[in-house]
Amino acid sequence: MDKNYEISLLLDFYGDMLTEKQQSMLNDYYNNDLSLSEIAENEGITRQGVRDAIQRAQAQLVEMEEKLRLVQKFKDMRRDLEEIYNCAKDIDAFNDRYGYSREINDRAKKIIAIVRKLFE
């Protein structure tokens, strides 16, 4: 998966455990697409200082994920919800094709609606 996306996810899950400066620099670099030089100018430090701070913050995020696995659990849950959604769509289509049951149709539609809501 794309490194920027991975760091953004880690920042979403664990960002509050970083200092405000670390959060700000990571957010500027990965989410706002600012260069190291632009961040350095905004923060009043050297480009190398920004690079070092970002690398340390990234290492902290990765370490938190290795210990807590929240992002991995989130990805697993999302994958499983997609599977539930696809199965409910298949059941609904099969029910329409081979023997309509209102109860099956209603329950399949309910599952589909719940999964869609969870993805929002």
C-alpha atoms as a PDB file:
ATOM      1  CA  MET A   1       0.000   0.000   0.000  1.00  0.00           C
ATOM      2  CA  ASP A   2       1.115   3.584  -0.622  1.00  0.00           C
ATOM      3  CA  LYS A   3       3.435   4.892   2.112  1.00  0.00           C
ATOM      4  CA  ASN A   4       1.631   8.240   2.303  1.00  0.00           C
ATOM      5  CA  TYR A   5      -1.690   6.473   2.841  1.00  0.00           C
ATOM      6  CA  GLU A   6      -0.147   4.200   5.480  1.00  0.00           C
ATOM      7  CA  ILE A   7       1.348   7.084   7.443  1.00  0.00           C
ATOM      8  CA  SER A   8      -1.918   9.040   7.153  1.00  0.00           C
ATOM      9  CA  LEU A   9      -3.803   6.057   8.575  1.00  0.00           C
ATOM     10  CA  LEU A  10      -1.297   5.670  11.391  1.00  0.00           C
ATOM     11  CA  LEU A  11      -1.597   9.391  12.084  1.00  0.00           C
ATOM     12  CA  ASP A  12      -5.397   9.099  12.229  1.00  0.00           C
ATOM     13  CA  PHE A  13      -5.202   6.265  14.736  1.00  0.00           C
ATOM     14  CA  TYR A  14      -2.230   7.290  16.866  1.00  0.00           C
ATOM     15  CA  GLY A  15      -1.669  10.977  16.132  1.00  0.00           C
ATOM     16  CA  ASP A  16      -2.976  12.125  19.497  1.00  0.00           C
ATOM     17  CA  MET A  17      -0.108  10.230  21.129  1.00  0.00           C
ATOM     18  CA  LEU A  18       2.435  12.466  19.390  1.00  0.00           C
ATOM     19  CA  THR A  19       3.361  16.013  20.334  1.00  0.00           C
ATOM     20  CA  GLU A  20       1.449  18.824  18.626  1.00  0.00           C
ATOM     21  CA  LYS A  21       4.585  19.728  16.637  1.00  0.00           C
ATOM     22  CA  GLN A  22       5.026  16.137  15.441  1.00  0.00           C
ATOM     23  CA  GLN A  23       1.354  15.931  14.466  1.00  0.00           C
ATOM     24  CA  SER A  24       1.550  19.234  12.639  1.00  0.00           C
ATOM     25  CA  MET A  25       4.690  18.320  10.695  1.00  0.00           C
ATOM     26  CA  LEU A  26       3.407  14.877   9.703  1.00  0.00           C
ATOM     27  CA  ASN A  27       0.051  16.331   8.713  1.00  0.00           C
ATOM     28  CA  ASP A  28       1.707  19.051   6.641  1.00  0.00           C
ATOM     29  CA  TYR A  29       4.050  16.591   4.955  1.00  0.00           C
ATOM     30  CA  TYR A  30       1.676  13.678   4.275  1.00  0.00           C
ATOM     31  CA  ASN A  31      -1.781  15.228   4.132  1.00  0.00           C
ATOM     32  CA  ASN A  32      -1.103  18.792   2.962  1.00  0.00           C
ATOM     33  CA  ASP A  33       1.752  17.819   0.619  1.00  0.00           C
ATOM     34  CA  LEU A  34       4.138  20.495   1.904  1.00  0.00           C
ATOM     35  CA  SER A  35       7.848  20.059   1.239  1.00  0.00           C
ATOM     36  CA  LEU A  36      10.414  19.738   4.004  1.00  0.00           C
ATOM     37  CA  SER A  37      11.622  23.246   3.150  1.00  0.00           C
ATOM     38  CA  GLU A  38       8.119  24.710   3.399  1.00  0.00           C
ATOM     39  CA  ILE A  39       7.557  23.060   6.770  1.00  0.00           C
ATOM     40  CA  ALA A  40      10.979  24.232   7.978  1.00  0.00           C
ATOM     41  CA  GLU A  41      10.120  27.799   7.038  1.00  0.00           C
ATOM     42  CA  ASN A  42       6.741  27.578   8.812  1.00  0.00           C
ATOM     43  CA  GLU A  43       8.284  26.040  11.935  1.00  0.00           C
ATOM     44  CA  GLY A  44      11.371  28.238  12.005  1.00  0.00           C
ATOM     45  CA  ILE A  45      13.806  25.309  11.982  1.00  0.00           C
ATOM     46  CA  THR A  46      16.138  23.735   9.446  1.00  0.00           C
ATOM     47  CA  ARG A  47      15.027  21.386   6.704  1.00  0.00           C
ATOM     48  CA  GLN A  48      17.174  18.677   8.329  1.00  0.00           C
ATOM     49  CA  GLY A  49      15.435  19.317  11.644  1.00  0.00           C
ATOM     50  CA  VAL A  50      12.060  18.757   9.997  1.00  0.00           C
ATOM     51  CA  ARG A  51      13.297  15.582   8.308  1.00  0.00           C
ATOM     52  CA  ASP A  52      14.623  14.207  11.597  1.00  0.00           C
ATOM     53  CA  ALA A  53      11.416  15.099  13.451  1.00  0.00           C
ATOM     54  CA  ILE A  54       9.263  13.442  10.785  1.00  0.00           C
ATOM     55  CA  GLN A  55      11.383  10.293  10.821  1.00  0.00           C
ATOM     56  CA  ARG A  56      11.205  10.059  14.628  1.00  0.00           C
ATOM     57  CA  ALA A  57       7.440  10.598  14.594  1.00  0.00           C
ATOM     58  CA  GLN A  58       7.006   7.957  11.867  1.00  0.00           C
ATOM     59  CA  ALA A  59       9.047   5.502  13.905  1.00  0.00           C
ATOM     60  CA  GLN A  60       6.830   6.175  16.920  1.00  0.00           C
ATOM     61  CA  LEU A  61       3.684   5.577  14.859  1.00  0.00           C
ATOM     62  CA  VAL A  62       5.048   2.330  13.440  1.00  0.00           C
ATOM     63  CA  GLU A  63       6.060   1.161  16.909  1.00  0.00           C
ATOM     64  CA  MET A  64       2.571   1.909  18.268  1.00  0.00           C
ATOM     65  CA  GLU A  65       1.015  -0.058  15.407  1.00  0.00           C
ATOM     66  CA  GLU A  66       3.345  -3.001  16.019  1.00  0.00           C
ATOM     67  CA  LYS A  67       2.206  -3.105  19.633  1.00  0.00           C
ATOM     68  CA  LEU A  68      -1.499  -2.268  19.314  1.00  0.00           C
ATOM     69  CA  ARG A  69      -2.372  -3.436  15.761  1.00  0.00           C
ATOM     70  CA  LEU A  70      -5.363  -1.055  15.546  1.00  0.00           C
ATOM     71  CA  VAL A  71      -4.819  -0.185  11.893  1.00  0.00           C
ATOM     72  CA  GLN A  72      -4.491  -3.856  10.949  1.00  0.00           C
ATOM     73  CA  LYS A  73      -7.682  -4.675  12.856  1.00  0.00           C
ATOM     74  CA  PHE A  74      -9.423  -1.796  11.066  1.00  0.00           C
ATOM     75  CA  LYS A  75      -8.285  -3.071   7.660  1.00  0.00           C
ATOM     76  CA  ASP A  76      -9.352  -6.635   8.525  1.00  0.00           C
ATOM     77  CA  MET A  77     -12.765  -5.430   9.683  1.00  0.00           C
ATOM     78  CA  ARG A  78     -13.221  -3.363   6.532  1.00  0.00           C
ATOM     79  CA  ARG A  79     -12.300  -6.354   4.345  1.00  0.00           C
ATOM     80  CA  ASP A  80     -14.759  -8.560   6.263  1.00  0.00           C
ATOM     81  CA  LEU A  81     -17.519  -5.961   5.939  1.00  0.00           C
ATOM     82  CA  GLU A  82     -16.940  -5.870   2.183  1.00  0.00           C
ATOM     83  CA  GLU A  83     -17.341  -9.662   2.127  1.00  0.00           C
ATOM     84  CA  ILE A  84     -20.578  -9.448   4.138  1.00  0.00           C
ATOM     85  CA  TYR A  85     -21.843  -6.762   1.771  1.00  0.00           C
ATOM     86  CA  ASN A  86     -21.030  -8.864  -1.305  1.00  0.00           C
ATOM     87  CA  CYS A  87     -22.682 -11.954   0.198  1.00  0.00           C
ATOM     88  CA  ALA A  88     -25.833  -9.976   1.022  1.00  0.00           C
ATOM     89  CA  LYS A  89     -25.928  -8.627  -2.547  1.00  0.00           C
ATOM     90  CA  ASP A  90     -25.532 -12.198  -3.877  1.00  0.00           C
ATOM     91  CA  ILE A  91     -28.332 -13.472  -1.616  1.00  0.00           C
ATOM     92  CA  ASP A  92     -30.584 -10.634  -2.741  1.00  0.00           C
ATOM     93  CA  ALA A  93     -29.869 -11.347  -6.432  1.00  0.00           C
ATOM     94  CA  PHE A  94     -30.293 -15.104  -5.969  1.00  0.00           C
ATOM     95  CA  ASN A  95     -33.597 -14.538  -4.148  1.00  0.00           C
ATOM     96  CA  ASP A  96     -34.881 -12.337  -6.980  1.00  0.00           C
ATOM     97  CA  ARG A  97     -33.845 -14.887  -9.607  1.00  0.00           C
ATOM     98  CA  TYR A  98     -34.967 -18.176  -8.068  1.00  0.00           C
ATOM     99  CA  GLY A  99     -37.803 -17.802  -5.674  1.00  0.00           C
ATOM    100  CA  TYR A 100     -38.710 -14.591  -4.125  1.00  0.00           C
ATOM    101  CA  SER A 101     -39.034 -14.549  -0.356  1.00  0.00           C
ATOM    102  CA  ARG A 102     -39.963 -11.198   1.099  1.00  0.00           C
ATOM    103  CA  GLU A 103     -38.282 -12.051   4.429  1.00  0.00           C
ATOM    104  CA  ILE A 104     -34.989 -12.947   2.755  1.00  0.00           C
ATOM    105  CA  ASN A 105     -35.195  -9.845   0.590  1.00  0.00           C
ATOM    106  CA  ASP A 106     -35.880  -7.584   3.576  1.00  0.00           C
ATOM    107  CA  ARG A 107     -33.029  -9.045   5.614  1.00  0.00           C
ATOM    108  CA  ALA A 108     -30.563  -8.865   2.727  1.00  0.00           C
ATOM    109  CA  LYS A 109     -31.503  -5.218   2.112  1.00  0.00           C
ATOM    110  CA  LYS A 110     -31.095  -4.494   5.836  1.00  0.00           C
ATOM    111  CA  ILE A 111     -27.607  -6.026   5.875  1.00  0.00           C
ATOM    112  CA  ILE A 112     -26.658  -4.024   2.794  1.00  0.00           C
ATOM    113  CA  ALA A 113     -27.916  -0.792   4.393  1.00  0.00           C
ATOM    114  CA  ILE A 114     -26.051  -1.455   7.643  1.00  0.00           C
ATOM    115  CA  VAL A 115     -22.773  -2.144   5.855  1.00  0.00           C
ATOM    116  CA  ARG A 116     -23.158   0.975   3.702  1.00  0.00           C
ATOM    117  CA  LYS A 117     -23.741   3.012   6.874  1.00  0.00           C
ATOM    118  CA  LEU A 118     -20.606   1.539   8.477  1.00  0.00           C
ATOM    119  CA  PHE A 119     -18.522   2.526   5.449  1.00  0.00           C
ATOM    120  CA  GLU A 120     -19.572   6.183   5.696  1.00  0.00           C
END
